[in-house]
Amino acid sequence: MTGGIWMKLTNRITGQELLKRAKKFGAESLSDHELLTIIFGKVNGNENINFKAAGLEKYSDLRQLKYFSDEEWGCLLKNKDSIPLAKVLCEFAQRLERRPKLILGKIYSSQGIGEEMIDEIGMFEQEVLVVILLDTKNQVLARKIIFKGTLDAATVHPREIFKFALRYSAACLMIAHNHPSGVTTPSENDLKLTRRIEHGSTLLGIGFLDHIIVGSTSYYSMREEKIIR
């Protein structure tokens, strides 16, 4: 779980009201405290979870959930049968947090990027394209998801990729995207995009190191397959 300060709620807000807000503005609009109200409200079968009433307002960071005693969980959830499930959810969140992440400054190979992208976007249900910027030593300067949705010539424009690269004065770049089907064989659109990026990189003097396609368990490197030379 990520850290964050729990917002003090002056009014009692039910889980259903919070879900309506999430539907309208996105789950990212909810505070950590409000996310917990929804999650543990569902676990407990009671939407009126109140951390203050349970005497747990002293915990200011979500990562402190792992320090909850059975007694504290009991005060919060009331139903003792819900405690094991709450602990399972916390453990799941902690394991997600420990997943490998692309580290800025670390020197990467196509294999390294491919393995990192499998972990990060391989399970996405829609296609996303990630641009990874590197310096003259092939150390990562920055990374960003540039596009979401079906990636074709109409939706992916090289100018957005190069605009991002120029902002960081990148020496080189790599792009990676996922195939929700899990099949990493490049499509004709993938090959067309690769050629366009390769051409633009040559004109701007920015090295184009690789275009990597990932599925849930494997990756395909156009550099390793010598499509990019």
Protein backbone atom coordinates (compact mmCIF):
# COMPACT_ATOMS: atom_id res chain seq x y z
CA MET A 1 0.00 0.00 0.00
CA THR A 2 1.19 3.47 -0.69
CA GLY A 3 1.61 5.91 2.13
CA GLY A 4 -0.51 8.95 2.72
CA ILE A 5 -2.24 10.91 5.42
CA TRP A 6 -5.79 9.93 6.26
CA MET A 7 -8.12 12.86 5.86
CA LYS A 8 -10.26 13.54 8.89
CA LEU A 9 -13.87 13.23 7.90
CA THR A 10 -16.05 15.80 9.60
CA ASN A 11 -19.20 14.18 8.24
CA ARG A 12 -20.08 10.51 8.11
CA ILE A 13 -19.95 9.44 4.46
CA THR A 14 -21.20 6.02 3.46
CA GLY A 15 -19.39 3.64 1.16
CA GLN A 16 -22.11 4.03 -1.46
CA GLU A 17 -21.63 7.81 -1.52
CA LEU A 18 -17.89 7.34 -1.91
CA LEU A 19 -18.41 4.83 -4.74
CA LYS A 20 -20.62 7.37 -6.54
CA ARG A 21 -17.82 9.94 -6.26
CA ALA A 22 -15.31 7.39 -7.56
CA LYS A 23 -17.57 6.65 -10.52
CA LYS A 24 -17.90 10.34 -11.36
CA PHE A 25 -14.35 11.57 -10.68
CA GLY A 26 -12.28 8.37 -10.63
CA ALA A 27 -10.95 6.32 -7.71
CA GLU A 28 -7.90 8.61 -7.57
CA SER A 29 -10.18 11.35 -6.18
CA LEU A 30 -10.61 9.43 -2.91
CA SER A 31 -8.34 9.87 0.08
CA ASP A 32 -6.58 6.90 1.67
CA HIS A 33 -9.07 7.02 4.54
CA GLU A 34 -12.01 6.97 2.13
CA LEU A 35 -10.56 4.02 0.20
CA LEU A 36 -10.32 2.09 3.45
CA THR A 37 -13.89 3.02 4.34
CA ILE A 38 -15.07 1.37 1.12
CA ILE A 39 -12.82 -1.68 1.30
CA PHE A 40 -13.33 -2.54 4.93
CA GLY A 41 -16.96 -1.52 4.80
CA LYS A 42 -17.49 -4.23 2.19
CA VAL A 43 -15.43 -6.72 4.20
CA ASN A 44 -17.42 -5.96 7.33
CA GLY A 45 -20.83 -5.67 5.68
CA ASN A 46 -21.13 -2.24 7.27
CA GLU A 47 -20.66 0.97 5.29
CA ASN A 48 -20.26 3.17 8.36
CA ILE A 49 -16.68 2.27 9.22
CA ASN A 50 -15.34 4.89 11.62
CA PHE A 51 -11.64 4.84 12.51
CA LYS A 52 -12.02 7.54 15.14
CA ALA A 53 -14.80 5.73 16.94
CA ALA A 54 -12.63 2.61 17.02
CA GLY A 55 -9.83 4.62 18.66
CA LEU A 56 -7.51 4.15 15.67
CA GLU A 57 -7.14 7.76 14.51
CA LYS A 58 -3.56 7.68 15.86
CA TYR A 59 -2.56 5.74 12.75
CA SER A 60 -1.75 8.35 10.12
CA ASP A 61 -0.20 6.22 7.37
CA LEU A 62 -1.71 3.28 5.48
CA ARG A 63 1.47 1.27 5.90
CA GLN A 64 0.75 1.16 9.64
CA LEU A 65 -2.13 -1.24 9.00
CA LYS A 66 0.34 -4.09 9.35
CA TYR A 67 0.78 -3.11 13.02
CA PHE A 68 -2.91 -3.52 13.86
CA SER A 69 -3.51 -6.04 16.62
CA ASP A 70 -6.43 -8.47 16.51
CA GLU A 71 -8.06 -6.36 19.20
CA GLU A 72 -7.75 -3.21 17.09
CA TRP A 73 -9.09 -5.00 14.02
CA GLY A 74 -11.96 -6.21 16.19
CA CYS A 75 -12.79 -2.64 17.27
CA LEU A 76 -12.76 -1.51 13.67
CA LEU A 77 -14.60 -4.35 11.98
CA LYS A 78 -16.86 -5.58 14.83
CA ASN A 79 -17.26 -8.92 13.05
CA LYS A 80 -14.26 -11.00 14.12
CA ASP A 81 -14.79 -13.37 11.21
CA SER A 82 -13.77 -10.48 8.89
CA ILE A 83 -10.33 -10.05 10.48
CA PRO A 84 -8.51 -12.77 8.44
CA LEU A 85 -9.85 -11.31 5.18
CA ALA A 86 -8.72 -7.82 6.21
CA LYS A 87 -5.24 -9.17 6.88
CA VAL A 88 -5.19 -10.94 3.52
CA LEU A 89 -6.08 -7.66 1.76
CA CYS A 90 -3.27 -5.85 3.60
CA GLU A 91 -0.74 -8.55 2.70
CA PHE A 92 -1.87 -8.44 -0.94
CA ALA A 93 -1.39 -4.66 -1.05
CA GLN A 94 2.08 -4.95 0.51
CA ARG A 95 3.13 -7.54 -2.06
CA LEU A 96 1.96 -5.30 -4.89
CA GLU A 97 4.06 -2.50 -3.43
CA ARG A 98 7.13 -4.77 -3.47
CA ARG A 99 6.81 -5.52 -7.20
CA PRO A 100 9.86 -4.51 -9.28
CA LYS A 101 9.72 -0.97 -10.61
CA LEU A 102 11.66 0.81 -13.32
CA ILE A 103 14.34 2.69 -11.39
CA LEU A 104 15.52 6.05 -12.68
CA GLY A 105 19.26 6.17 -13.16
CA LYS A 106 19.78 2.43 -13.50
CA ILE A 107 21.43 1.18 -16.70
CA TYR A 108 19.03 -1.02 -18.65
CA SER A 109 19.20 -3.57 -21.46
CA SER A 110 16.33 -4.62 -23.72
CA GLN A 111 15.92 -7.70 -21.56
CA GLY A 112 15.80 -5.62 -18.38
CA ILE A 113 13.22 -3.21 -19.80
CA GLY A 114 11.21 -6.10 -21.22
CA GLU A 115 11.03 -7.87 -17.86
CA GLU A 116 10.13 -4.65 -16.05
CA MET A 117 7.38 -3.86 -18.56
CA ILE A 118 5.90 -7.36 -18.20
CA ASP A 119 5.49 -6.63 -14.50
CA GLU A 120 4.16 -3.11 -15.00
CA ILE A 121 1.85 -3.25 -18.04
CA GLY A 122 1.72 -6.89 -19.13
CA MET A 123 -1.65 -7.49 -17.45
CA PHE A 124 -3.36 -4.28 -18.61
CA GLU A 125 -6.67 -4.90 -20.37
CA GLN A 126 -6.11 -2.10 -22.88
CA GLU A 127 -3.04 -1.19 -24.85
CA VAL A 128 -0.75 1.48 -23.46
CA LEU A 129 2.49 2.83 -24.87
CA VAL A 130 5.32 3.75 -22.54
CA VAL A 131 8.19 6.01 -23.59
CA ILE A 132 11.47 5.50 -21.72
CA LEU A 133 14.16 8.17 -22.00
CA LEU A 134 17.86 7.48 -21.48
CA ASP A 135 21.06 9.50 -21.26
CA THR A 136 24.36 8.88 -23.06
CA LYS A 137 25.17 6.04 -20.62
CA ASN A 138 21.80 4.34 -21.19
CA GLN A 139 20.63 5.31 -17.73
CA VAL A 140 16.90 5.99 -17.40
CA LEU A 141 16.07 9.71 -17.23
CA ALA A 142 12.28 9.52 -17.27
CA ARG A 143 9.37 7.36 -18.36
CA LYS A 144 5.75 8.10 -19.17
CA ILE A 145 2.62 6.45 -20.55
CA ILE A 146 1.95 8.50 -23.68
CA PHE A 147 -1.01 6.69 -25.22
CA LYS A 148 -3.86 4.45 -24.12
CA GLY A 149 -6.22 2.44 -26.30
CA THR A 150 -5.72 0.74 -29.65
CA LEU A 151 -2.31 1.74 -30.93
CA ASP A 152 -2.31 2.53 -34.63
CA ALA A 153 -1.08 5.24 -36.96
CA ALA A 154 -4.10 7.40 -36.15
CA THR A 155 -3.70 7.40 -32.36
CA VAL A 156 0.07 7.29 -31.89
CA HIS A 157 1.80 10.37 -33.24
CA PRO A 158 5.61 10.54 -33.03
CA ARG A 159 5.54 14.25 -32.18
CA GLU A 160 4.23 13.49 -28.66
CA ILE A 161 7.02 11.00 -28.14
CA PHE A 162 9.71 13.36 -29.38
CA LYS A 163 8.23 16.31 -27.50
CA PHE A 164 8.71 14.32 -24.30
CA ALA A 165 12.25 13.30 -25.31
CA LEU A 166 13.30 16.86 -26.15
CA ARG A 167 11.97 18.16 -22.84
CA TYR A 168 14.54 15.96 -21.05
CA SER A 169 17.30 16.39 -23.66
CA ALA A 170 17.34 12.61 -23.96
CA ALA A 171 20.20 10.98 -25.86
CA CYS A 172 18.18 7.84 -26.58
CA LEU A 173 14.70 6.49 -26.19
CA MET A 174 12.88 3.18 -26.06
CA ILE A 175 9.17 2.52 -26.41
CA ALA A 176 7.20 -0.38 -25.01
CA HIS A 177 3.59 -1.38 -25.29
CA ASN A 178 1.46 -4.32 -24.27
CA HIS A 179 -0.73 -6.75 -26.18
CA PRO A 180 -3.70 -7.65 -23.94
CA SER A 181 -4.05 -10.91 -25.88
CA GLY A 182 -0.68 -12.00 -24.48
CA VAL A 183 0.65 -12.68 -28.00
CA THR A 184 3.73 -10.50 -28.46
CA THR A 185 4.20 -10.96 -32.23
CA PRO A 186 4.25 -7.45 -33.76
CA SER A 187 1.33 -6.40 -35.92
CA GLU A 188 1.67 -4.43 -39.14
CA ASN A 189 0.71 -1.31 -37.18
CA ASP A 190 3.49 -2.05 -34.68
CA LEU A 191 6.01 -2.30 -37.51
CA LYS A 192 4.75 0.91 -39.13
CA LEU A 193 5.05 2.76 -35.83
CA THR A 194 8.57 1.44 -35.37
CA ARG A 195 9.62 2.71 -38.78
CA ARG A 196 8.12 6.14 -38.10
CA ILE A 197 9.90 6.47 -34.77
CA GLU A 198 13.13 5.25 -36.32
CA HIS A 199 12.88 7.85 -39.09
CA GLY A 200 12.08 10.69 -36.66
CA SER A 201 14.92 9.67 -34.33
CA THR A 202 17.40 9.84 -37.20
CA LEU A 203 16.25 13.35 -38.13
CA LEU A 204 16.48 14.61 -34.54
CA GLY A 205 19.69 12.85 -33.63
CA ILE A 206 18.07 10.85 -30.83
CA GLY A 207 19.00 7.18 -30.63
CA PHE A 208 16.09 4.76 -30.97
CA LEU A 209 17.21 1.76 -28.95
CA ASP A 210 14.20 -0.54 -29.05
CA HIS A 211 10.49 -1.11 -29.42
CA ILE A 212 9.39 -3.78 -26.96
CA ILE A 213 6.03 -5.56 -26.99
CA VAL A 214 4.97 -7.35 -23.82
CA GLY A 215 2.33 -9.83 -22.77
CA SER A 216 1.58 -11.15 -19.32
CA THR A 217 4.59 -13.50 -19.28
CA SER A 218 6.88 -12.67 -22.22
CA TYR A 219 8.28 -9.84 -24.32
CA TYR A 220 9.37 -9.26 -27.92
CA SER A 221 12.30 -6.94 -28.64
CA MET A 222 12.56 -5.48 -32.12
CA ARG A 223 16.23 -4.78 -31.45
CA GLU A 224 16.91 -8.38 -30.48
CA GLU A 225 14.99 -9.57 -33.53
CA LYS A 226 17.05 -7.16 -35.69
CA ILE A 227 14.00 -5.26 -36.96
CA ILE A 228 15.77 -2.21 -35.52
CA ARG A 229 19.49 -2.14 -36.37
